[in-house]
Amino acid sequence: GSEMCGSEHNDLFIKNAKGDIQTRTNFSG
């Protein structure tokens, strides 16, 4: 992660099919 830019690393929030909040990626682990 130290080699990435913030625009690559940020985990964007989305709503899944159930309407729950989750993230598109999981760089945050």
PDB file of all heavy atoms in Angstrom:
ATOM      1  N   GLY A   1       0.803  -1.215   0.000  1.00  0.00           N
ATOM      2  CA  GLY A   1       0.000   0.000   0.000  1.00  0.00           C
ATOM      3  C   GLY A   1       0.837   1.266   0.000  1.00  0.00           C
ATOM      4  O   GLY A   1       0.388   2.328  -0.463  1.00  0.00           O
ATOM      5  N   SER A   2       2.067   1.166   0.512  1.00  0.00           N
ATOM      6  CA  SER A   2       2.946   2.342   0.552  1.00  0.00           C
ATOM      7  C   SER A   2       3.415   2.744  -0.838  1.00  0.00           C
ATOM      8  O   SER A   2       3.945   3.852  -1.026  1.00  0.00           O
ATOM      9  CB  SER A   2       4.160   2.062   1.441  1.00  0.00           C
ATOM     10  OG  SER A   2       4.983   1.046   0.874  1.00  0.00           O
ATOM     11  N   GLU A   3       3.222   1.864  -1.824  1.00  0.00           N
ATOM     12  CA  GLU A   3       3.649   2.148  -3.188  1.00  0.00           C
ATOM     13  C   GLU A   3       2.500   2.666  -4.053  1.00  0.00           C
ATOM     14  O   GLU A   3       2.679   2.937  -5.234  1.00  0.00           O
ATOM     15  CB  GLU A   3       4.237   0.878  -3.817  1.00  0.00           C
ATOM     16  CG  GLU A   3       5.418   0.298  -3.039  1.00  0.00           C
ATOM     17  CD  GLU A   3       5.842  -1.066  -3.554  1.00  0.00           C
ATOM     18  OE1 GLU A   3       5.233  -1.533  -4.540  1.00  0.00           O
ATOM     19  OE2 GLU A   3       6.767  -1.646  -2.976  1.00  0.00           O
ATOM     20  N   MET A   4       1.316   2.803  -3.464  1.00  0.00           N
ATOM     21  CA  MET A   4       0.135   3.201  -4.216  1.00  0.00           C
ATOM     22  C   MET A   4      -0.216   4.664  -3.981  1.00  0.00           C
ATOM     23  O   MET A   4       0.229   5.275  -2.999  1.00  0.00           O
ATOM     24  CB  MET A   4      -1.056   2.310  -3.820  1.00  0.00           C
ATOM     25  CG  MET A   4      -0.840   0.831  -4.067  1.00  0.00           C
ATOM     26  SD  MET A   4      -2.119  -0.212  -3.329  1.00  0.00           S
ATOM     27  CE  MET A   4      -3.543   0.228  -4.324  1.00  0.00           C
ATOM     28  N   CYS A   5      -1.005   5.230  -4.869  1.00  0.00           N
ATOM     29  CA  CYS A   5      -1.564   6.563  -4.691  1.00  0.00           C
ATOM     30  C   CYS A   5      -2.900   6.453  -3.959  1.00  0.00           C
ATOM     31  O   CYS A   5      -3.559   5.407  -3.992  1.00  0.00           O
ATOM     32  CB  CYS A   5      -1.777   7.236  -6.048  1.00  0.00           C
ATOM     33  SG  CYS A   5      -0.254   7.570  -6.952  1.00  0.00           S
ATOM     34  N   GLY A   6      -3.298   7.539  -3.313  1.00  0.00           N
ATOM     35  CA  GLY A   6      -4.556   7.536  -2.579  1.00  0.00           C
ATOM     36  C   GLY A   6      -5.742   7.229  -3.458  1.00  0.00           C
ATOM     37  O   GLY A   6      -6.697   6.569  -3.037  1.00  0.00           O
ATOM     38  N   SER A   7      -5.684   7.716  -4.708  1.00  0.00           N
ATOM     39  CA  SER A   7      -6.784   7.474  -5.639  1.00  0.00           C
ATOM     40  C   SER A   7      -6.920   5.994  -5.969  1.00  0.00           C
ATOM     41  O   SER A   7      -8.005   5.529  -6.340  1.00  0.00           O
ATOM     42  CB  SER A   7      -6.561   8.269  -6.925  1.00  0.00           C
ATOM     43  OG  SER A   7      -5.297   7.965  -7.499  1.00  0.00           O
ATOM     44  N   GLU A   8      -5.836   5.246  -5.857  1.00  0.00           N
ATOM     45  CA  GLU A   8      -5.865   3.795  -6.090  1.00  0.00           C
ATOM     46  C   GLU A   8      -6.281   3.048  -4.826  1.00  0.00           C
ATOM     47  O   GLU A   8      -6.983   2.041  -4.888  1.00  0.00           O
ATOM     48  CB  GLU A   8      -4.481   3.297  -6.497  1.00  0.00           C
ATOM     49  CG  GLU A   8      -3.894   3.861  -7.765  1.00  0.00           C
ATOM     50  CD  GLU A   8      -2.476   3.387  -7.958  1.00  0.00           C
ATOM     51  OE1 GLU A   8      -1.559   3.960  -7.338  1.00  0.00           O
ATOM     52  OE2 GLU A   8      -2.267   2.415  -8.723  1.00  0.00           O
ATOM     53  N   HIS A   9      -5.806   3.569  -3.689  1.00  0.00           N
ATOM     54  CA  HIS A   9      -5.917   2.818  -2.439  1.00  0.00           C
ATOM     55  C   HIS A   9      -7.239   3.019  -1.709  1.00  0.00           C
ATOM     56  O   HIS A   9      -7.667   2.149  -0.944  1.00  0.00           O
ATOM     57  CB  HIS A   9      -4.747   3.198  -1.514  1.00  0.00           C
ATOM     58  CG  HIS A   9      -4.558   2.293  -0.345  1.00  0.00           C
ATOM     59  ND1 HIS A   9      -5.192   2.495   0.863  1.00  0.00           N
ATOM     60  CD2 HIS A   9      -3.797   1.176  -0.203  1.00  0.00           C
ATOM     61  CE1 HIS A   9      -4.820   1.532   1.706  1.00  0.00           C
ATOM     62  NE2 HIS A   9      -3.980   0.723   1.085  1.00  0.00           N
ATOM     63  N   ASN A  10      -7.887   4.150  -1.912  1.00  0.00           N
ATOM     64  CA  ASN A  10      -9.126   4.418  -1.167  1.00  0.00           C
ATOM     65  C   ASN A  10     -10.194   3.368  -1.459  1.00  0.00           C
ATOM     66  O   ASN A  10     -10.459   3.039  -2.617  1.00  0.00           O
ATOM     67  CB  ASN A  10      -9.677   5.801  -1.535  1.00  0.00           C
ATOM     68  CG  ASN A  10      -8.894   6.917  -0.866  1.00  0.00           C
ATOM     69  OD1 ASN A  10      -8.085   6.670   0.027  1.00  0.00           O
ATOM     70  ND2 ASN A  10      -9.133   8.140  -1.300  1.00  0.00           N
ATOM     71  N   ASP A  11     -10.817   2.860  -0.389  1.00  0.00           N
ATOM     72  CA  ASP A  11     -11.918   1.900  -0.518  1.00  0.00           C
ATOM     73  C   ASP A  11     -13.236   2.671  -0.599  1.00  0.00           C
ATOM     74  O   ASP A  11     -13.717   3.200   0.411  1.00  0.00           O
ATOM     75  CB  ASP A  11     -11.931   0.948   0.692  1.00  0.00           C
ATOM     76  CG  ASP A  11     -10.723   0.033   0.724  1.00  0.00           C
ATOM     77  OD1 ASP A  11     -10.331  -0.463  -0.344  1.00  0.00           O
ATOM     78  OD2 ASP A  11     -10.166  -0.183   1.822  1.00  0.00           O
ATOM     79  N   LEU A  12     -13.811   2.751  -1.788  1.00  0.00           N
ATOM     80  CA  LEU A  12     -15.026   3.529  -1.990  1.00  0.00           C
ATOM     81  C   LEU A  12     -16.243   2.811  -1.432  1.00  0.00           C
ATOM     82  O   LEU A  12     -16.409   1.607  -1.608  1.00  0.00           O
ATOM     83  CB  LEU A  12     -15.220   3.806  -3.484  1.00  0.00           C
ATOM     84  CG  LEU A  12     -14.041   4.481  -4.200  1.00  0.00           C
ATOM     85  CD1 LEU A  12     -14.391   4.719  -5.660  1.00  0.00           C
ATOM     86  CD2 LEU A  12     -13.649   5.788  -3.516  1.00  0.00           C
ATOM     87  N   PHE A  13     -17.115   3.573  -0.763  1.00  0.00           N
ATOM     88  CA  PHE A  13     -18.320   3.003  -0.173  1.00  0.00           C
ATOM     89  C   PHE A  13     -19.403   2.794  -1.229  1.00  0.00           C
ATOM     90  O   PHE A  13     -19.614   3.637  -2.107  1.00  0.00           O
ATOM     91  CB  PHE A  13     -18.860   3.909   0.933  1.00  0.00           C
ATOM     92  CG  PHE A  13     -18.007   3.926   2.170  1.00  0.00           C
ATOM     93  CD1 PHE A  13     -17.227   5.031   2.470  1.00  0.00           C
ATOM     94  CD2 PHE A  13     -17.974   2.835   3.023  1.00  0.00           C
ATOM     95  CE1 PHE A  13     -16.439   5.056   3.609  1.00  0.00           C
ATOM     96  CE2 PHE A  13     -17.192   2.841   4.162  1.00  0.00           C
ATOM     97  CZ  PHE A  13     -16.414   3.962   4.456  1.00  0.00           C
ATOM     98  N   ILE A  14     -20.085   1.652  -1.108  1.00  0.00           N
ATOM     99  CA  ILE A  14     -21.210   1.350  -1.992  1.00  0.00           C
ATOM    100  C   ILE A  14     -22.283   0.650  -1.156  1.00  0.00           C
ATOM    101  O   ILE A  14     -22.042   0.255  -0.011  1.00  0.00           O
ATOM    102  CB  ILE A  14     -20.797   0.421  -3.162  1.00  0.00           C
ATOM    103  CG1 ILE A  14     -20.213  -0.900  -2.610  1.00  0.00           C
ATOM    104  CG2 ILE A  14     -19.802   1.110  -4.090  1.00  0.00           C
ATOM    105  CD1 ILE A  14     -19.938  -1.940  -3.683  1.00  0.00           C
ATOM    106  N   LYS A  15     -23.469   0.507  -1.718  1.00  0.00           N
ATOM    107  CA  LYS A  15     -24.522  -0.290  -1.099  1.00  0.00           C
ATOM    108  C   LYS A  15     -24.650  -1.587  -1.872  1.00  0.00           C
ATOM    109  O   LYS A  15     -24.699  -1.587  -3.102  1.00  0.00           O
ATOM    110  CB  LYS A  15     -25.859   0.451  -1.096  1.00  0.00           C
ATOM    111  CG  LYS A  15     -26.035   1.398   0.059  1.00  0.00           C
ATOM    112  CD  LYS A  15     -27.476   1.870   0.146  1.00  0.00           C
ATOM    113  CE  LYS A  15     -27.696   2.723   1.388  1.00  0.00           C
ATOM    114  NZ  LYS A  15     -29.114   3.145   1.523  1.00  0.00           N
ATOM    115  N   ASN A  16     -24.691  -2.704  -1.137  1.00  0.00           N
ATOM    116  CA  ASN A  16     -24.843  -3.990  -1.827  1.00  0.00           C
ATOM    117  C   ASN A  16     -26.314  -4.263  -2.120  1.00  0.00           C
ATOM    118  O   ASN A  16     -27.187  -3.430  -1.854  1.00  0.00           O
ATOM    119  CB  ASN A  16     -24.216  -5.116  -1.005  1.00  0.00           C
ATOM    120  CG  ASN A  16     -24.879  -5.308   0.347  1.00  0.00           C
ATOM    121  OD1 ASN A  16     -26.032  -4.921   0.570  1.00  0.00           O
ATOM    122  ND2 ASN A  16     -24.149  -5.919   1.274  1.00  0.00           N
ATOM    123  N   ALA A  17     -26.576  -5.448  -2.668  1.00  0.00           N
ATOM    124  CA  ALA A  17     -27.944  -5.792  -3.077  1.00  0.00           C
ATOM    125  C   ALA A  17     -28.921  -5.800  -1.911  1.00  0.00           C
ATOM    126  O   ALA A  17     -30.129  -5.587  -2.092  1.00  0.00           O
ATOM    127  CB  ALA A  17     -27.936  -7.156  -3.769  1.00  0.00           C
ATOM    128  N   LYS A  18     -28.397  -6.036  -0.697  1.00  0.00           N
ATOM    129  CA  LYS A  18     -29.258  -6.070   0.488  1.00  0.00           C
ATOM    130  C   LYS A  18     -29.485  -4.679   1.071  1.00  0.00           C
ATOM    131  O   LYS A  18     -30.234  -4.516   2.032  1.00  0.00           O
ATOM    132  CB  LYS A  18     -28.645  -6.972   1.554  1.00  0.00           C
ATOM    133  CG  LYS A  18     -28.524  -8.429   1.152  1.00  0.00           C
ATOM    134  CD  LYS A  18     -27.890  -9.243   2.274  1.00  0.00           C
ATOM    135  CE  LYS A  18     -27.763 -10.708   1.880  1.00  0.00           C
ATOM    136  NZ  LYS A  18     -27.105 -11.507   2.961  1.00  0.00           N
ATOM    137  N   GLY A  19     -28.785  -3.688   0.496  1.00  0.00           N
ATOM    138  CA  GLY A  19     -28.921  -2.327   1.006  1.00  0.00           C
ATOM    139  C   GLY A  19     -27.936  -1.991   2.101  1.00  0.00           C
ATOM    140  O   GLY A  19     -28.011  -0.909   2.704  1.00  0.00           O
ATOM    141  N   ASP A  20     -26.993  -2.915   2.381  1.00  0.00           N
ATOM    142  CA  ASP A  20     -25.985  -2.679   3.406  1.00  0.00           C
ATOM    143  C   ASP A  20     -24.799  -1.923   2.815  1.00  0.00           C
ATOM    144  O   ASP A  20     -24.467  -2.065   1.634  1.00  0.00           O
ATOM    145  CB  ASP A  20     -25.494  -4.011   3.986  1.00  0.00           C
ATOM    146  CG  ASP A  20     -26.604  -4.776   4.678  1.00  0.00           C
ATOM    147  OD1 ASP A  20     -27.480  -4.116   5.278  1.00  0.00           O
ATOM    148  OD2 ASP A  20     -26.597  -6.020   4.622  1.00  0.00           O
ATOM    149  N   ILE A  21     -24.156  -1.125   3.650  1.00  0.00           N
ATOM    150  CA  ILE A  21     -22.970  -0.388   3.218  1.00  0.00           C
ATOM    151  C   ILE A  21     -21.754  -1.306   3.251  1.00  0.00           C
ATOM    152  O   ILE A  21     -21.532  -2.032   4.226  1.00  0.00           O
ATOM    153  CB  ILE A  21     -22.724   0.836   4.118  1.00  0.00           C
ATOM    154  CG1 ILE A  21     -23.871   1.846   3.953  1.00  0.00           C
ATOM    155  CG2 ILE A  21     -21.383   1.497   3.796  1.00  0.00           C
ATOM    156  CD1 ILE A  21     -23.776   3.030   4.885  1.00  0.00           C
ATOM    157  N   GLN A  22     -20.975  -1.290   2.180  1.00  0.00           N
ATOM    158  CA  GLN A  22     -19.708  -2.007   2.143  1.00  0.00           C
ATOM    159  C   GLN A  22     -18.744  -1.209   1.279  1.00  0.00           C
ATOM    160  O   GLN A  22     -19.062  -0.084   0.876  1.00  0.00           O
ATOM    161  CB  GLN A  22     -19.885  -3.429   1.604  1.00  0.00           C
ATOM    162  CG  GLN A  22     -20.374  -3.510   0.160  1.00  0.00           C
ATOM    163  CD  GLN A  22     -20.498  -4.944  -0.313  1.00  0.00           C
ATOM    164  OE1 GLN A  22     -21.266  -5.712   0.231  1.00  0.00           O
ATOM    165  NE2 GLN A  22     -19.725  -5.279  -1.340  1.00  0.00           N
ATOM    166  N   THR A  23     -17.567  -1.743   1.016  1.00  0.00           N
ATOM    167  CA  THR A  23     -16.607  -1.026   0.179  1.00  0.00           C
ATOM    168  C   THR A  23     -16.344  -1.804  -1.105  1.00  0.00           C
ATOM    169  O   THR A  23     -16.419  -3.033  -1.122  1.00  0.00           O
ATOM    170  CB  THR A  23     -15.279  -0.780   0.920  1.00  0.00           C
ATOM    171  OG1 THR A  23     -14.722  -2.025   1.343  1.00  0.00           O
ATOM    172  CG2 THR A  23     -15.489   0.111   2.132  1.00  0.00           C
ATOM    173  N   ARG A  24     -16.033  -1.052  -2.170  1.00  0.00           N
ATOM    174  CA  ARG A  24     -15.827  -1.673  -3.477  1.00  0.00           C
ATOM    175  C   ARG A  24     -14.563  -2.538  -3.482  1.00  0.00           C
ATOM    176  O   ARG A  24     -14.521  -3.603  -4.096  1.00  0.00           O
ATOM    177  CB  ARG A  24     -15.739  -0.594  -4.551  1.00  0.00           C
ATOM    178  CG  ARG A  24     -15.816  -1.119  -5.983  1.00  0.00           C
ATOM    179  CD  ARG A  24     -15.594   0.010  -6.992  1.00  0.00           C
ATOM    180  NE  ARG A  24     -16.504   1.129  -6.799  1.00  0.00           N
ATOM    181  CZ  ARG A  24     -17.732   1.192  -7.297  1.00  0.00           C
ATOM    182  NH1 ARG A  24     -18.203   0.186  -8.011  1.00  0.00           N
ATOM    183  NH2 ARG A  24     -18.495   2.253  -7.086  1.00  0.00           N
ATOM    184  N   THR A  25     -13.508  -2.047  -2.812  1.00  0.00           N
ATOM    185  CA  THR A  25     -12.254  -2.783  -2.659  1.00  0.00           C
ATOM    186  C   THR A  25     -12.010  -2.994  -1.170  1.00  0.00           C
ATOM    187  O   THR A  25     -12.787  -2.511  -0.329  1.00  0.00           O
ATOM    188  CB  THR A  25     -11.085  -2.010  -3.286  1.00  0.00           C
ATOM    189  OG1 THR A  25     -11.070  -0.675  -2.741  1.00  0.00           O
ATOM    190  CG2 THR A  25     -11.220  -1.929  -4.800  1.00  0.00           C
ATOM    191  N   ASN A  26     -10.940  -3.696  -0.831  1.00  0.00           N
ATOM    192  CA  ASN A  26     -10.682  -3.969   0.586  1.00  0.00           C
ATOM    193  C   ASN A  26      -9.202  -3.802   0.925  1.00  0.00           C
ATOM    194  O   ASN A  26      -8.609  -4.622   1.597  1.00  0.00           O
ATOM    195  CB  ASN A  26     -11.160  -5.388   0.951  1.00  0.00           C
ATOM    196  CG  ASN A  26     -11.242  -5.601   2.458  1.00  0.00           C
ATOM    197  OD1 ASN A  26     -11.374  -4.653   3.229  1.00  0.00           O
ATOM    198  ND2 ASN A  26     -11.146  -6.854   2.886  1.00  0.00           N
ATOM    199  N   PHE A  27      -8.615  -2.703   0.441  1.00  0.00           N
ATOM    200  CA  PHE A  27      -7.231  -2.421   0.777  1.00  0.00           C
ATOM    201  C   PHE A  27      -7.064  -2.155   2.277  1.00  0.00           C
ATOM    202  O   PHE A  27      -5.987  -2.316   2.834  1.00  0.00           O
ATOM    203  CB  PHE A  27      -6.721  -1.215  -0.026  1.00  0.00           C
ATOM    204  CG  PHE A  27      -6.621  -1.474  -1.500  1.00  0.00           C
ATOM    205  CD1 PHE A  27      -7.366  -0.731  -2.407  1.00  0.00           C
ATOM    206  CD2 PHE A  27      -5.787  -2.475  -1.995  1.00  0.00           C
ATOM    207  CE1 PHE A  27      -7.277  -0.971  -3.779  1.00  0.00           C
ATOM    208  CE2 PHE A  27      -5.693  -2.729  -3.360  1.00  0.00           C
ATOM    209  CZ  PHE A  27      -6.438  -1.974  -4.244  1.00  0.00           C
ATOM    210  N   SER A  28      -8.151  -1.745   2.944  1.00  0.00           N
ATOM    211  CA  SER A  28      -8.115  -1.491   4.386  1.00  0.00           C
ATOM    212  C   SER A  28      -8.067  -2.778   5.196  1.00  0.00           C
ATOM    213  O   SER A  28      -7.873  -2.734   6.420  1.00  0.00           O
ATOM    214  CB  SER A  28      -9.337  -0.673   4.811  1.00  0.00           C
ATOM    215  OG  SER A  28      -9.367   0.577   4.154  1.00  0.00           O
ATOM    216  N   GLY A  29      -8.283  -3.912   4.533  1.00  0.00           N
ATOM    217  CA  GLY A  29      -8.243  -5.190   5.241  1.00  0.00           C
ATOM    218  C   GLY A  29      -9.347  -5.358   6.253  1.00  0.00           C
ATOM    219  O   GLY A  29      -9.196  -6.091   7.237  1.00  0.00           O
TER     220      GLY A  29
END
